[in-house]
Amino acid sequence: MRLLPQQLTMQQQGEDMVLSFALPAGCFATSVLRELVNYRDCGRQTADME
């Protein structure tokens, strides 16, 4: 499935980046953010190694 955020804006505030976007009902912002950053759950990785 493909999700295209609407009204996407990005602003730099000092060392921080502020993203703003709109999604249809039932969609999750965390899914969009996960695709934009190189996220790795270290806790989960450690559990998988045991």
PDB file of N, CA and C in Angstrom:
ATOM      1  N   MET A   1       0.832  -1.163   0.000  1.00  0.00           N
ATOM      2  CA  MET A   1       0.000   0.000   0.000  1.00  0.00           C
ATOM      3  C   MET A   1       0.891   1.244   0.000  1.00  0.00           C
ATOM      4  N   ARG A   2       0.453   2.268  -0.626  1.00  0.00           N
ATOM      5  CA  ARG A   2       1.228   3.500  -0.729  1.00  0.00           C
ATOM      6  C   ARG A   2       0.505   4.630  -0.020  1.00  0.00           C
ATOM      7  N   LEU A   3       1.248   5.389   0.759  1.00  0.00           N
ATOM      8  CA  LEU A   3       0.692   6.491   1.526  1.00  0.00           C
ATOM      9  C   LEU A   3       1.415   7.769   1.131  1.00  0.00           C
ATOM     10  N   LEU A   4       0.687   8.774   0.718  1.00  0.00           N
ATOM     11  CA  LEU A   4       1.279  10.056   0.344  1.00  0.00           C
ATOM     12  C   LEU A   4       0.798  11.143   1.295  1.00  0.00           C
ATOM     13  N   PRO A   5       1.672  11.610   2.201  1.00  0.00           N
ATOM     14  CA  PRO A   5       1.280  12.686   3.112  1.00  0.00           C
ATOM     15  C   PRO A   5       0.935  13.957   2.328  1.00  0.00           C
ATOM     16  N   GLN A   6      -0.073  14.657   2.788  1.00  0.00           N
ATOM     17  CA  GLN A   6      -0.486  15.916   2.167  1.00  0.00           C
ATOM     18  C   GLN A   6       0.034  17.085   3.003  1.00  0.00           C
ATOM     19  N   GLN A   7       0.152  18.242   2.402  1.00  0.00           N
ATOM     20  CA  GLN A   7       0.541  19.481   3.086  1.00  0.00           C
ATOM     21  C   GLN A   7       1.852  19.316   3.858  1.00  0.00           C
ATOM     22  N   LEU A   8       2.813  18.657   3.248  1.00  0.00           N
ATOM     23  CA  LEU A   8       4.094  18.388   3.898  1.00  0.00           C
ATOM     24  C   LEU A   8       4.936  19.650   3.943  1.00  0.00           C
ATOM     25  N   THR A   9       5.368  20.029   5.150  1.00  0.00           N
ATOM     26  CA  THR A   9       6.287  21.157   5.315  1.00  0.00           C
ATOM     27  C   THR A   9       7.417  20.726   6.244  1.00  0.00           C
ATOM     28  N   MET A  10       8.560  21.373   6.086  1.00  0.00           N
ATOM     29  CA  MET A  10       9.725  21.085   6.902  1.00  0.00           C
ATOM     30  C   MET A  10      10.380  22.401   7.272  1.00  0.00           C
ATOM     31  N   GLN A  11      10.701  22.575   8.548  1.00  0.00           N
ATOM     32  CA  GLN A  11      11.363  23.791   9.021  1.00  0.00           C
ATOM     33  C   GLN A  11      12.531  23.419   9.912  1.00  0.00           C
ATOM     34  N   GLN A  12      13.612  24.163   9.769  1.00  0.00           N
ATOM     35  CA  GLN A  12      14.779  23.990  10.634  1.00  0.00           C
ATOM     36  C   GLN A  12      14.647  24.977  11.783  1.00  0.00           C
ATOM     37  N   GLN A  13      14.726  24.498  13.021  1.00  0.00           N
ATOM     38  CA  GLN A  13      14.677  25.334  14.208  1.00  0.00           C
ATOM     39  C   GLN A  13      15.896  25.011  15.051  1.00  0.00           C
ATOM     40  N   GLY A  14      16.962  25.773  14.851  1.00  0.00           N
ATOM     41  CA  GLY A  14      18.221  25.467  15.523  1.00  0.00           C
ATOM     42  C   GLY A  14      18.754  24.160  14.993  1.00  0.00           C
ATOM     43  N   GLU A  15      19.010  23.221  15.902  1.00  0.00           N
ATOM     44  CA  GLU A  15      19.484  21.895  15.494  1.00  0.00           C
ATOM     45  C   GLU A  15      18.334  20.928  15.236  1.00  0.00           C
ATOM     46  N   ASP A  16      17.105  21.372  15.482  1.00  0.00           N
ATOM     47  CA  ASP A  16      15.931  20.512  15.316  1.00  0.00           C
ATOM     48  C   ASP A  16      15.289  20.722  13.954  1.00  0.00           C
ATOM     49  N   MET A  17      14.607  19.696  13.486  1.00  0.00           N
ATOM     50  CA  MET A  17      13.829  19.767  12.256  1.00  0.00           C
ATOM     51  C   MET A  17      12.378  19.504  12.623  1.00  0.00           C
ATOM     52  N   VAL A  18      11.477  20.368  12.177  1.00  0.00           N
ATOM     53  CA  VAL A  18      10.058  20.225  12.481  1.00  0.00           C
ATOM     54  C   VAL A  18       9.320  19.866  11.197  1.00  0.00           C
ATOM     55  N   LEU A  19       8.664  18.709  11.206  1.00  0.00           N
ATOM     56  CA  LEU A  19       7.879  18.250  10.067  1.00  0.00           C
ATOM     57  C   LEU A  19       6.400  18.399  10.387  1.00  0.00           C
ATOM     58  N   SER A  20       5.645  18.764   9.379  1.00  0.00           N
ATOM     59  CA  SER A  20       4.200  18.862   9.521  1.00  0.00           C
ATOM     60  C   SER A  20       3.569  18.268   8.271  1.00  0.00           C
ATOM     61  N   PHE A  21       2.554  17.432   8.462  1.00  0.00           N
ATOM     62  CA  PHE A  21       1.868  16.843   7.320  1.00  0.00           C
ATOM     63  C   PHE A  21       0.491  16.351   7.754  1.00  0.00           C
ATOM     64  N   ALA A  22      -0.364  16.153   6.786  1.00  0.00           N
ATOM     65  CA  ALA A  22      -1.715  15.646   7.031  1.00  0.00           C
ATOM     66  C   ALA A  22      -1.827  14.255   6.422  1.00  0.00           C
ATOM     67  N   LEU A  23      -2.567  13.390   7.120  1.00  0.00           N
ATOM     68  CA  LEU A  23      -2.786  12.025   6.658  1.00  0.00           C
ATOM     69  C   LEU A  23      -4.276  11.720   6.666  1.00  0.00           C
ATOM     70  N   PRO A  24      -4.702  10.806   5.802  1.00  0.00           N
ATOM     71  CA  PRO A  24      -6.101  10.368   5.834  1.00  0.00           C
ATOM     72  C   PRO A  24      -6.401   9.627   7.141  1.00  0.00           C
ATOM     73  N   ALA A  25      -7.658   9.564   7.505  1.00  0.00           N
ATOM     74  CA  ALA A  25      -8.074   8.826   8.704  1.00  0.00           C
ATOM     75  C   ALA A  25      -7.586   7.384   8.625  1.00  0.00           C
ATOM     76  N   GLY A  26      -7.103   6.878   9.760  1.00  0.00           N
ATOM     77  CA  GLY A  26      -6.643   5.495   9.822  1.00  0.00           C
ATOM     78  C   GLY A  26      -5.178   5.311   9.494  1.00  0.00           C
ATOM     79  N   CYS A  27      -4.489   6.370   9.098  1.00  0.00           N
ATOM     80  CA  CYS A  27      -3.057   6.289   8.794  1.00  0.00           C
ATOM     81  C   CYS A  27      -2.258   6.772  10.002  1.00  0.00           C
ATOM     82  N   PHE A  28      -1.039   6.316  10.121  1.00  0.00           N
ATOM     83  CA  PHE A  28      -0.233   6.623  11.295  1.00  0.00           C
ATOM     84  C   PHE A  28       1.010   7.430  10.932  1.00  0.00           C
ATOM     85  N   ALA A  29       1.208   8.535  11.654  1.00  0.00           N
ATOM     86  CA  ALA A  29       2.373   9.385  11.425  1.00  0.00           C
ATOM     87  C   ALA A  29       3.669   8.627  11.697  1.00  0.00           C
ATOM     88  N   THR A  30       3.656   7.699  12.646  1.00  0.00           N
ATOM     89  CA  THR A  30       4.868   6.937  12.952  1.00  0.00           C
ATOM     90  C   THR A  30       5.336   6.133  11.746  1.00  0.00           C
ATOM     91  N   SER A  31       4.406   5.675  10.919  1.00  0.00           N
ATOM     92  CA  SER A  31       4.783   4.937   9.708  1.00  0.00           C
ATOM     93  C   SER A  31       5.521   5.839   8.736  1.00  0.00           C
ATOM     94  N   VAL A  32       5.070   7.062   8.606  1.00  0.00           N
ATOM     95  CA  VAL A  32       5.734   8.026   7.719  1.00  0.00           C
ATOM     96  C   VAL A  32       7.110   8.368   8.265  1.00  0.00           C
ATOM     97  N   LEU A  33       7.193   8.662   9.550  1.00  0.00           N
ATOM     98  CA  LEU A  33       8.469   9.037  10.155  1.00  0.00           C
ATOM     99  C   LEU A  33       9.483   7.907  10.086  1.00  0.00           C
ATOM    100  N   ARG A  34       9.042   6.672  10.272  1.00  0.00           N
ATOM    101  CA  ARG A  34       9.945   5.517  10.181  1.00  0.00           C
ATOM    102  C   ARG A  34      10.599   5.445   8.806  1.00  0.00           C
ATOM    103  N   GLU A  35       9.870   5.798   7.763  1.00  0.00           N
ATOM    104  CA  GLU A  35      10.416   5.756   6.411  1.00  0.00           C
ATOM    105  C   GLU A  35      11.374   6.918   6.128  1.00  0.00           C
ATOM    106  N   LEU A  36      11.265   7.997   6.899  1.00  0.00           N
ATOM    107  CA  LEU A  36      12.098   9.172   6.669  1.00  0.00           C
ATOM    108  C   LEU A  36      13.428   9.141   7.412  1.00  0.00           C
ATOM    109  N   VAL A  37      13.510   8.333   8.455  1.00  0.00           N
ATOM    110  CA  VAL A  37      14.733   8.279   9.261  1.00  0.00           C
ATOM    111  C   VAL A  37      15.280   6.864   9.285  1.00  0.00           C
ATOM    112  N   ASN A  38      16.540   6.733   9.634  1.00  0.00           N
ATOM    113  CA  ASN A  38      17.165   5.421   9.772  1.00  0.00           C
ATOM    114  C   ASN A  38      16.973   4.972  11.215  1.00  0.00           C
ATOM    115  N   TYR A  39      15.808   4.394  11.509  1.00  0.00           N
ATOM    116  CA  TYR A  39      15.427   4.000  12.864  1.00  0.00           C
ATOM    117  C   TYR A  39      15.780   2.544  13.109  1.00  0.00           C
ATOM    118  N   ARG A  40      16.346   2.304  14.275  1.00  0.00           N
ATOM    119  CA  ARG A  40      16.654   0.942  14.679  1.00  0.00           C
ATOM    120  C   ARG A  40      16.291   0.789  16.154  1.00  0.00           C
ATOM    121  N   ASP A  41      15.483  -0.181  16.501  1.00  0.00           N
ATOM    122  CA  ASP A  41      15.074  -0.437  17.880  1.00  0.00           C
ATOM    123  C   ASP A  41      16.142  -1.304  18.531  1.00  0.00           C
ATOM    124  N   CYS A  42      17.043  -0.684  19.268  1.00  0.00           N
ATOM    125  CA  CYS A  42      18.163  -1.411  19.890  1.00  0.00           C
ATOM    126  C   CYS A  42      17.681  -2.428  20.905  1.00  0.00           C
ATOM    127  N   GLY A  43      16.613  -2.134  21.626  1.00  0.00           N
ATOM    128  CA  GLY A  43      16.065  -3.084  22.581  1.00  0.00           C
ATOM    129  C   GLY A  43      15.593  -4.337  21.904  1.00  0.00           C
ATOM    130  N   ARG A  44      14.960  -4.198  20.782  1.00  0.00           N
ATOM    131  CA  ARG A  44      14.466  -5.355  20.042  1.00  0.00           C
ATOM    132  C   ARG A  44      15.624  -6.144  19.463  1.00  0.00           C
ATOM    133  N   GLN A  45      16.635  -5.457  18.970  1.00  0.00           N
ATOM    134  CA  GLN A  45      17.798  -6.125  18.391  1.00  0.00           C
ATOM    135  C   GLN A  45      18.492  -6.976  19.453  1.00  0.00           C
ATOM    136  N   THR A  46      18.612  -6.469  20.679  1.00  0.00           N
ATOM    137  CA  THR A  46      19.235  -7.200  21.767  1.00  0.00           C
ATOM    138  C   THR A  46      18.423  -8.442  22.113  1.00  0.00           C
ATOM    139  N   ALA A  47      17.096  -8.306  22.161  1.00  0.00           N
ATOM    140  CA  ALA A  47      16.233  -9.443  22.465  1.00  0.00           C
ATOM    141  C   ALA A  47      16.331 -10.521  21.402  1.00  0.00           C
ATOM    142  N   ASP A  48      16.476 -10.120  20.127  1.00  0.00           N
ATOM    143  CA  ASP A  48      16.598 -11.082  19.042  1.00  0.00           C
ATOM    144  C   ASP A  48      17.894 -11.869  19.108  1.00  0.00           C
ATOM    145  N   MET A  49      18.927 -11.289  19.715  1.00  0.00           N
ATOM    146  CA  MET A  49      20.236 -11.920  19.753  1.00  0.00           C
ATOM    147  C   MET A  49      20.320 -12.974  20.866  1.00  0.00           C
ATOM    148  N   GLU A  50      19.408 -12.945  21.847  1.00  0.00           N
ATOM    149  CA  GLU A  50      19.475 -13.884  22.979  1.00  0.00           C
ATOM    150  C   GLU A  50      18.995 -15.259  22.602  1.00  0.00           C
TER     151      GLU A  50
END
